[in-house]
Amino acid sequence: MSTGMNRKRRLARTALLLAASAFLLACPPPPRPQQLDDLQLMLASGVVADVTPRAPDAVAAARATQAEAEAAWEDGDLELSSRLSLLAQVQVRLAVALARQDLARERREEAERTVADSEAAYAEIEARRQVLETRLSSLWAYRRIQEEVARERAQAVEEEALRAERLTDAERATWEKNWRAQARTDAAEARRTLEVARMLGVADAYPEAERMATEAVETALDAADVSPWRIERPLVDYAVAQADELRFRMLTMESDGGAEAMAERVRTLAETYRSGFDPPFHVAIDPRGILLTLDAKSAELQIAFPEPARTALRDLRTKWTEDPSLLCLVVARSIDPECGENCLSQTSDLARLAAAEISPDDASDRIRSLGLGLVKPEEPLDGLSQTGAVRLEFLFFPRATPPAP
């Protein structure tokens, strides 16, 4: 009797538990706290995505607290879930604040770098301005002198033209022959000065001025034998002035005194070259550098340089190439009035031969050659006859060294 009663009681208890379980399963979960929903929206926002790289630890802490709040809600502890959600929201705001602080620090450092770069750029600009002011003041002073010279030359040209009109035919023929020879000489000197300026780097420093000077020199050379005095002489004077100014511009780049410093260096070097190479060369100071001159027969040079000139050229090659600051322009020109139609090409070939004679491979970028053809007939320096005579000129000058930017 008692056993049956106990079984009934157990069955009833089981039925009640099953009924309670079914009731609980049928009930919906408790509502999510508003704080938890707000937290979810905060963590899903683009702001948190932006700040995560700058404050990863703070964002990770907020997400961990969010997970605890979710677990508390699922367990039915709404109060704990709300508190944890509020704590996570504070952690999100902390992450945003830390990210902004990091961004502000980065921008401050960038601003400091910008200020430092600006100050350095300003200092460089100021240094350049001072250098340019020095160069420009020298150039303007040079131009003022050259303008005065140009006015005097223009007046002299007009006066000479008026004087020539009063000459007899014979006197006028001699006069024209002489001034054309001088014009060719001056135009050739302008061509050589232009080449010196090019070797000093004027094409890179002042490309437009170099182009204009080249046109002026070529025009003067072309006009030397065809244009009348009033046209040709100003063209030559202009070409000379343009070439001289280009060379002067490059010398003003010298960091230790410009043209004056260059002239002093040339004077010092000339003494050394006089003692070692005069004779067989004639050593002189040219306005552009040290000039070593050698007269010889063109036909002989085409075969081999004669002694003692050959030995002197070998010694010259050793000496000038040892000084990396020295540049060399080798010029060949005929002094034979019967040079012929191929005179220009012949002198160009001889200039290249002479340049090769004193130019080792490691100095080939510091030497150039220039053939001028027949400029005007002259008596050879060493008593040779004019027939087939050529004059080789070795012009040495220091390179222009601009100051550091």
Protein backbone atom coordinates (compact mmCIF):
# COMPACT_ATOMS: atom_id res chain seq x y z
CA MET A 1 0.00 0.00 0.00
CA SER A 2 2.77 2.40 0.97
CA THR A 3 4.88 1.37 -1.98
CA GLY A 4 2.11 2.19 -4.43
CA MET A 5 1.55 5.53 -2.75
CA ASN A 6 5.23 6.51 -3.11
CA ARG A 7 5.24 5.63 -6.79
CA LYS A 8 2.21 7.87 -7.34
CA ARG A 9 3.91 10.71 -5.54
CA ARG A 10 7.07 10.37 -7.65
CA LEU A 11 5.05 10.35 -10.83
CA ALA A 12 3.18 13.45 -9.72
CA ARG A 13 6.42 15.27 -8.88
CA THR A 14 7.90 14.35 -12.24
CA ALA A 15 4.80 15.57 -14.00
CA LEU A 16 5.03 18.90 -12.14
CA LEU A 17 8.71 19.31 -13.12
CA LEU A 18 7.94 18.57 -16.73
CA ALA A 19 5.08 21.03 -16.68
CA ALA A 20 7.32 23.71 -15.13
CA SER A 21 10.02 23.07 -17.71
CA ALA A 22 7.52 23.32 -20.53
CA PHE A 23 6.23 26.60 -19.07
CA LEU A 24 9.70 28.01 -18.83
CA LEU A 25 10.59 26.99 -22.37
CA ALA A 26 7.47 28.63 -23.65
CA CYS A 27 8.35 32.00 -21.96
CA PRO A 28 10.33 34.60 -24.04
CA PRO A 29 13.81 35.77 -22.80
CA PRO A 30 13.91 38.93 -20.71
CA PRO A 31 14.12 42.19 -22.72
CA ARG A 32 17.65 43.53 -23.55
CA PRO A 33 18.67 46.51 -21.49
CA GLN A 34 18.73 49.76 -23.45
CA GLN A 35 22.32 50.30 -22.28
CA LEU A 36 23.36 47.04 -23.96
CA ASP A 37 21.72 48.06 -27.24
CA ASP A 38 23.38 51.47 -27.06
CA LEU A 39 26.72 49.77 -26.45
CA GLN A 40 26.25 47.54 -29.47
CA LEU A 41 25.55 50.58 -31.65
CA MET A 42 28.63 52.36 -30.31
CA LEU A 43 30.94 49.43 -31.05
CA ALA A 44 29.49 49.01 -34.54
CA SER A 45 30.02 52.68 -35.44
CA GLY A 46 32.63 53.95 -37.90
CA VAL A 47 34.21 56.04 -35.15
CA VAL A 48 35.27 52.92 -33.23
CA ALA A 49 36.61 51.41 -36.48
CA ASP A 50 38.70 54.54 -37.01
CA VAL A 51 40.10 54.71 -33.47
CA THR A 52 40.87 50.99 -33.13
CA PRO A 53 44.32 51.24 -34.79
CA ARG A 54 45.29 54.05 -32.41
CA ALA A 55 43.78 52.59 -29.17
CA PRO A 56 43.52 48.82 -29.74
CA ASP A 57 43.80 47.84 -26.07
CA ALA A 58 41.01 50.17 -24.93
CA VAL A 59 38.67 48.93 -27.69
CA ALA A 60 39.49 45.31 -26.84
CA ALA A 61 38.65 45.96 -23.18
CA ALA A 62 35.30 47.47 -24.18
CA ARG A 63 34.45 44.45 -26.33
CA ALA A 64 35.38 42.09 -23.48
CA THR A 65 33.06 43.99 -21.12
CA GLN A 66 30.33 43.82 -23.80
CA ALA A 67 30.67 40.03 -23.82
CA GLU A 68 30.21 39.95 -20.01
CA ALA A 69 27.13 42.18 -20.31
CA GLU A 70 25.66 39.84 -22.96
CA ALA A 71 26.27 36.83 -20.69
CA ALA A 72 24.62 38.57 -17.73
CA TRP A 73 21.56 39.35 -19.83
CA GLU A 74 21.32 35.78 -21.02
CA ASP A 75 21.44 34.66 -17.35
CA GLY A 76 18.60 37.02 -16.60
CA ASP A 77 20.63 39.44 -14.49
CA LEU A 78 19.43 42.63 -16.15
CA GLU A 79 20.91 44.97 -13.55
CA LEU A 80 24.40 43.51 -13.92
CA SER A 81 24.05 43.59 -17.71
CA SER A 82 23.08 47.27 -17.61
CA ARG A 83 25.98 48.18 -15.35
CA LEU A 84 28.46 46.27 -17.48
CA SER A 85 27.06 47.94 -20.59
CA LEU A 86 27.55 51.38 -19.05
CA LEU A 87 31.10 50.42 -18.08
CA ALA A 88 31.82 49.28 -21.64
CA GLN A 89 30.45 52.58 -22.96
CA VAL A 90 32.90 54.42 -20.72
CA GLN A 91 35.69 52.21 -22.10
CA VAL A 92 34.63 53.11 -25.67
CA ARG A 93 34.76 56.84 -24.85
CA LEU A 94 38.17 56.30 -23.26
CA ALA A 95 39.36 54.60 -26.47
CA VAL A 96 38.12 57.57 -28.51
CA ALA A 97 39.87 59.99 -26.17
CA LEU A 98 43.13 58.03 -26.33
CA ALA A 99 42.94 57.89 -30.13
CA ARG A 100 42.36 61.63 -30.33
CA GLN A 101 45.27 62.20 -27.98
CA ASP A 102 47.49 60.01 -30.16
CA LEU A 103 46.32 61.85 -33.28
CA ALA A 104 46.96 65.21 -31.63
CA ARG A 105 50.47 64.08 -30.65
CA GLU A 106 51.15 62.92 -34.19
CA ARG A 107 49.89 66.20 -35.65
CA ARG A 108 51.97 68.18 -33.19
CA GLU A 109 55.08 66.22 -34.15
CA GLU A 110 54.24 66.73 -37.83
CA ALA A 111 53.76 70.44 -37.21
CA GLU A 112 57.10 70.59 -35.41
CA ARG A 113 58.75 68.84 -38.34
CA THR A 114 57.06 71.24 -40.75
CA VAL A 115 58.26 74.21 -38.73
CA ALA A 116 61.79 72.78 -38.64
CA ASP A 117 61.70 72.12 -42.39
CA SER A 118 60.35 75.61 -43.01
CA GLU A 119 63.07 77.16 -40.89
CA ALA A 120 65.72 75.14 -42.69
CA ALA A 121 64.24 76.10 -46.07
CA TYR A 122 64.13 79.75 -45.02
CA ALA A 123 67.77 79.57 -43.90
CA GLU A 124 68.70 78.04 -47.26
CA ILE A 125 66.73 80.69 -49.13
CA GLU A 126 68.37 83.41 -47.09
CA ALA A 127 71.81 81.97 -47.81
CA ARG A 128 70.97 81.78 -51.51
CA ARG A 129 69.65 85.33 -51.42
CA GLN A 130 72.89 86.60 -49.94
CA VAL A 131 74.91 84.71 -52.56
CA LEU A 132 72.68 85.97 -55.37
CA GLU A 133 72.86 89.53 -54.10
CA THR A 134 76.64 89.33 -54.16
CA ARG A 135 76.62 87.87 -57.67
CA LEU A 136 74.05 90.34 -58.95
CA SER A 137 75.86 93.34 -57.49
CA SER A 138 79.03 92.17 -59.25
CA LEU A 139 77.13 91.55 -62.48
CA TRP A 140 75.40 94.96 -62.42
CA ALA A 141 78.70 96.68 -61.74
CA TYR A 142 80.26 94.74 -64.62
CA ARG A 143 77.37 95.65 -66.91
CA ARG A 144 77.59 99.33 -66.04
CA ILE A 145 81.22 99.30 -67.11
CA GLN A 146 80.42 97.33 -70.26
CA GLU A 147 77.59 99.69 -71.17
CA GLU A 148 80.00 102.59 -70.96
CA VAL A 149 82.50 100.67 -73.09
CA ALA A 150 79.74 99.88 -75.61
CA ARG A 151 78.80 103.55 -75.90
CA GLU A 152 82.42 104.50 -76.47
CA ARG A 153 82.80 101.73 -79.05
CA ALA A 154 79.65 102.82 -80.90
CA GLN A 155 80.92 106.38 -81.03
CA ALA A 156 84.32 105.19 -82.24
CA VAL A 157 82.69 103.12 -84.99
CA GLU A 158 80.79 106.14 -86.26
CA GLU A 159 83.84 108.37 -86.11
CA GLU A 160 85.92 105.76 -87.97
CA ALA A 161 83.24 105.43 -90.63
CA LEU A 162 83.26 109.18 -91.17
CA ARG A 163 87.06 109.20 -91.36
CA ALA A 164 87.06 106.36 -93.89
CA GLU A 165 84.81 108.37 -96.20
CA ARG A 166 87.60 110.92 -96.61
CA LEU A 167 90.23 108.32 -97.61
CA THR A 168 91.45 107.78 -101.13
CA ASP A 169 90.56 104.55 -102.89
CA ALA A 170 93.98 103.02 -102.17
CA GLU A 171 93.90 104.11 -98.56
CA ARG A 172 90.37 102.84 -98.18
CA ALA A 173 91.31 99.40 -99.56
CA THR A 174 94.13 99.12 -97.03
CA TRP A 175 91.85 100.38 -94.27
CA GLU A 176 89.17 97.82 -95.09
CA LYS A 177 91.69 94.98 -95.24
CA ASN A 178 93.04 95.91 -91.81
CA TRP A 179 89.71 96.32 -90.06
CA ARG A 180 88.35 93.09 -91.48
CA ALA A 181 91.43 91.24 -90.21
CA GLN A 182 90.88 92.78 -86.79
CA ALA A 183 87.18 91.93 -86.90
CA ARG A 184 87.97 88.30 -87.69
CA THR A 185 90.45 88.26 -84.84
CA ASP A 186 87.98 89.71 -82.35
CA ALA A 187 85.18 87.39 -83.50
CA ALA A 188 87.53 84.40 -83.12
CA GLU A 189 88.45 85.57 -79.62
CA ALA A 190 84.76 85.80 -78.79
CA ARG A 191 84.35 82.21 -80.03
CA ARG A 192 87.20 81.07 -77.78
CA THR A 193 85.81 82.96 -74.78
CA LEU A 194 82.42 81.37 -75.38
CA GLU A 195 84.05 77.92 -75.37
CA VAL A 196 85.77 78.75 -72.08
CA ALA A 197 82.41 79.78 -70.60
CA ARG A 198 80.90 76.50 -71.80
CA MET A 199 83.67 74.52 -70.14
CA LEU A 200 82.92 76.43 -66.94
CA GLY A 201 79.33 75.16 -67.15
CA VAL A 202 77.41 78.13 -68.52
CA ALA A 203 75.08 75.98 -70.62
CA ASP A 204 73.67 74.41 -67.45
CA ALA A 205 73.68 77.57 -65.34
CA TYR A 206 72.40 80.04 -67.95
CA PRO A 207 71.06 78.07 -70.95
CA GLU A 208 69.15 80.93 -72.57
CA ALA A 209 72.03 83.39 -72.22
CA GLU A 210 74.37 80.75 -73.68
CA ARG A 211 72.06 80.29 -76.67
CA MET A 212 71.90 84.03 -77.33
CA ALA A 213 75.67 84.40 -77.05
CA THR A 214 76.19 81.50 -79.45
CA GLU A 215 73.93 83.18 -82.02
CA ALA A 216 75.78 86.48 -81.56
CA VAL A 217 79.20 84.88 -82.08
CA GLU A 218 78.08 82.90 -85.13
CA THR A 219 76.53 86.02 -86.65
CA ALA A 220 79.73 87.98 -86.09
CA LEU A 221 81.89 85.25 -87.64
CA ASP A 222 79.63 85.05 -90.69
CA ALA A 223 79.60 88.84 -91.10
CA ALA A 224 83.35 89.35 -90.77
CA ASP A 225 84.07 89.13 -94.52
CA VAL A 226 80.84 90.41 -96.06
CA SER A 227 79.19 93.17 -94.03
CA PRO A 228 80.16 96.85 -94.15
CA TRP A 229 81.97 98.48 -91.26
CA ARG A 230 78.95 100.14 -89.67
CA ILE A 231 77.13 96.78 -89.48
CA GLU A 232 79.92 94.27 -88.95
CA ARG A 233 81.91 96.06 -86.25
CA PRO A 234 78.94 96.44 -83.85
CA LEU A 235 78.08 92.76 -84.40
CA VAL A 236 81.61 91.74 -83.40
CA ASP A 237 81.63 94.07 -80.41
CA TYR A 238 78.29 92.65 -79.28
CA ALA A 239 79.55 89.06 -79.65
CA VAL A 240 82.67 89.87 -77.63
CA ALA A 241 80.57 91.48 -74.91
CA GLN A 242 78.15 88.54 -74.77
CA ALA A 243 80.93 85.94 -74.49
CA ASP A 244 82.82 87.98 -71.89
CA GLU A 245 79.70 88.39 -69.78
CA LEU A 246 78.99 84.64 -69.81
CA ARG A 247 82.50 83.92 -68.60
CA PHE A 248 82.19 86.63 -65.94
CA ARG A 249 78.88 85.19 -64.76
CA MET A 250 80.51 81.82 -64.18
CA LEU A 251 83.43 83.38 -62.34
CA THR A 252 81.03 85.15 -59.96
CA MET A 253 80.03 81.67 -58.77
CA GLU A 254 83.43 81.30 -57.16
CA SER A 255 82.95 81.02 -53.41
CA ASP A 256 86.27 82.70 -52.65
CA GLY A 257 86.12 86.00 -54.50
CA GLY A 258 84.93 85.50 -58.05
CA ALA A 259 86.80 86.95 -60.99
CA GLU A 260 89.46 88.57 -58.81
CA ALA A 261 90.22 85.28 -57.06
CA MET A 262 90.40 83.47 -60.40
CA ALA A 263 92.84 86.05 -61.78
CA GLU A 264 95.07 85.67 -58.71
CA ARG A 265 95.08 81.87 -59.10
CA VAL A 266 96.09 82.27 -62.74
CA ARG A 267 98.94 84.62 -61.85
CA THR A 268 100.25 82.14 -59.29
CA LEU A 269 100.05 79.22 -61.73
CA ALA A 270 101.74 81.19 -64.51
CA GLU A 271 105.00 81.43 -62.63
CA THR A 272 105.18 77.65 -62.32
CA TYR A 273 104.42 77.09 -65.99
CA ARG A 274 106.89 79.77 -67.13
CA SER A 275 109.76 78.09 -65.32
CA GLY A 276 108.94 74.66 -66.74
CA PHE A 277 107.70 75.22 -70.28
CA ASP A 278 109.10 78.48 -71.66
CA PRO A 279 110.74 77.44 -74.04
CA PRO A 280 109.70 75.59 -76.24
CA PHE A 281 106.33 77.19 -75.51
CA HIS A 282 105.74 80.88 -75.15
CA VAL A 283 104.00 81.20 -71.76
CA ALA A 284 101.83 84.24 -71.05
CA ILE A 285 98.89 85.29 -68.92
CA ASP A 286 95.77 85.55 -71.02
CA PRO A 287 92.64 87.30 -69.64
CA ARG A 288 91.08 83.83 -69.54
CA GLY A 289 93.94 81.80 -68.05
CA ILE A 290 97.50 80.62 -68.71
CA LEU A 291 98.31 80.52 -72.41
CA LEU A 292 101.07 78.28 -73.82
CA THR A 293 101.75 78.96 -77.50
CA LEU A 294 103.63 76.79 -79.99
CA ASP A 295 104.21 77.51 -83.68
CA ALA A 296 104.99 74.66 -86.08
CA LYS A 297 104.44 73.38 -89.59
CA SER A 298 101.01 71.86 -90.13
CA ALA A 299 102.35 69.00 -92.29
CA GLU A 300 104.92 68.11 -89.66
CA LEU A 301 102.36 68.01 -86.85
CA GLN A 302 100.13 65.69 -88.84
CA ILE A 303 102.93 63.11 -88.85
CA ALA A 304 104.46 63.56 -85.40
CA PHE A 305 105.16 66.37 -82.98
CA PRO A 306 108.81 67.42 -83.31
CA GLU A 307 111.33 67.47 -80.50
CA PRO A 308 111.71 69.25 -78.12
CA ALA A 309 108.00 70.07 -78.37
CA ARG A 310 107.06 66.39 -78.05
CA THR A 311 108.94 66.04 -74.76
CA ALA A 312 107.42 69.30 -73.52
CA LEU A 313 103.92 68.10 -74.42
CA ARG A 314 104.50 64.86 -72.51
CA ASP A 315 105.62 66.80 -69.46
CA LEU A 316 102.70 69.16 -69.87
CA ARG A 317 100.26 66.26 -69.92
CA THR A 318 101.63 65.01 -66.62
CA LYS A 319 101.63 68.40 -64.96
CA TRP A 320 98.22 69.85 -65.76
CA THR A 321 96.31 66.60 -65.29
CA GLU A 322 97.68 66.29 -61.74
CA ASP A 323 95.59 69.33 -60.76
CA PRO A 324 91.90 68.30 -61.01
CA SER A 325 90.80 71.93 -60.79
CA LEU A 326 92.45 72.84 -64.11
CA LEU A 327 90.62 72.81 -67.45
CA CYS A 328 92.30 73.02 -70.85
CA LEU A 329 91.19 74.41 -74.19
CA VAL A 330 93.44 73.57 -77.16
CA VAL A 331 93.08 76.01 -80.06
CA ALA A 332 94.67 75.66 -83.49
CA ARG A 333 94.69 78.44 -86.04
CA SER A 334 96.57 78.97 -89.25
CA ILE A 335 98.92 81.93 -89.64
CA ASP A 336 99.53 81.20 -93.32
CA PRO A 337 97.62 83.57 -95.64
CA GLU A 338 97.53 80.78 -98.23
CA CYS A 339 95.88 78.30 -95.90
CA GLY A 340 93.18 77.45 -98.44
CA GLU A 341 89.49 76.50 -98.40
CA ASN A 342 89.95 73.57 -96.02
CA CYS A 343 91.74 75.69 -93.44
CA LEU A 344 89.01 75.41 -90.81
CA SER A 345 88.80 71.61 -90.97
CA GLN A 346 92.62 71.30 -90.99
CA THR A 347 93.00 73.40 -87.86
CA SER A 348 90.17 71.49 -86.17
CA ASP A 349 92.00 68.21 -86.88
CA LEU A 350 95.28 69.61 -85.56
CA ALA A 351 93.57 70.89 -82.41
CA ARG A 352 92.18 67.40 -81.76
CA LEU A 353 95.62 65.84 -82.31
CA ALA A 354 97.23 68.26 -79.86
CA ALA A 355 94.48 67.70 -77.31
CA ALA A 356 94.96 63.94 -77.58
CA GLU A 357 98.70 64.39 -77.07
CA ILE A 358 98.23 65.96 -73.63
CA SER A 359 95.00 64.23 -72.58
CA PRO A 360 95.16 60.95 -70.64
CA ASP A 361 91.93 59.02 -70.33
CA ASP A 362 91.21 60.20 -66.78
CA ALA A 363 91.26 63.87 -67.85
CA SER A 364 89.35 63.67 -71.14
CA ASP A 365 86.34 65.43 -69.60
CA ARG A 366 88.51 68.44 -68.69
CA ILE A 367 89.89 69.24 -72.14
CA ARG A 368 88.39 70.45 -75.41
CA SER A 369 89.73 71.41 -78.81
CA LEU A 370 88.80 74.21 -81.16
CA GLY A 371 89.91 74.97 -84.72
CA LEU A 372 89.60 78.56 -85.91
CA GLY A 373 90.97 78.34 -89.45
CA LEU A 374 92.78 81.44 -90.68
CA VAL A 375 92.07 84.42 -88.47
CA LYS A 376 94.78 86.72 -89.81
CA PRO A 377 98.30 86.19 -91.18
CA GLU A 378 101.03 86.51 -88.55
CA GLU A 379 104.75 85.95 -88.35
CA PRO A 380 105.61 82.74 -86.45
CA LEU A 381 107.06 83.28 -82.99
CA ASP A 382 110.16 81.17 -83.53
CA GLY A 383 111.15 82.44 -86.96
CA LEU A 384 109.47 79.79 -89.13
CA SER A 385 108.23 80.80 -92.52
CA GLN A 386 104.50 81.46 -92.81
CA THR A 387 104.01 78.75 -95.41
CA GLY A 388 102.02 75.93 -93.83
CA ALA A 389 102.53 77.43 -90.35
CA VAL A 390 99.99 76.82 -87.62
CA ARG A 391 99.74 78.19 -84.10
CA LEU A 392 98.76 75.86 -81.26
CA GLU A 393 97.53 77.52 -78.11
CA PHE A 394 96.99 75.63 -74.86
CA LEU A 395 94.78 77.65 -72.54
CA PHE A 396 94.67 76.43 -68.93
CA PHE A 397 92.22 77.87 -66.42
CA PRO A 398 90.69 76.78 -63.11
CA ARG A 399 87.15 75.47 -63.13
CA ALA A 400 84.52 77.67 -61.45
CA THR A 401 83.52 76.22 -58.10
CA PRO A 402 80.07 77.43 -56.98
CA PRO A 403 79.41 77.72 -53.24
CA ALA A 404 77.33 75.04 -51.58
CA PRO A 405 73.55 75.67 -51.82
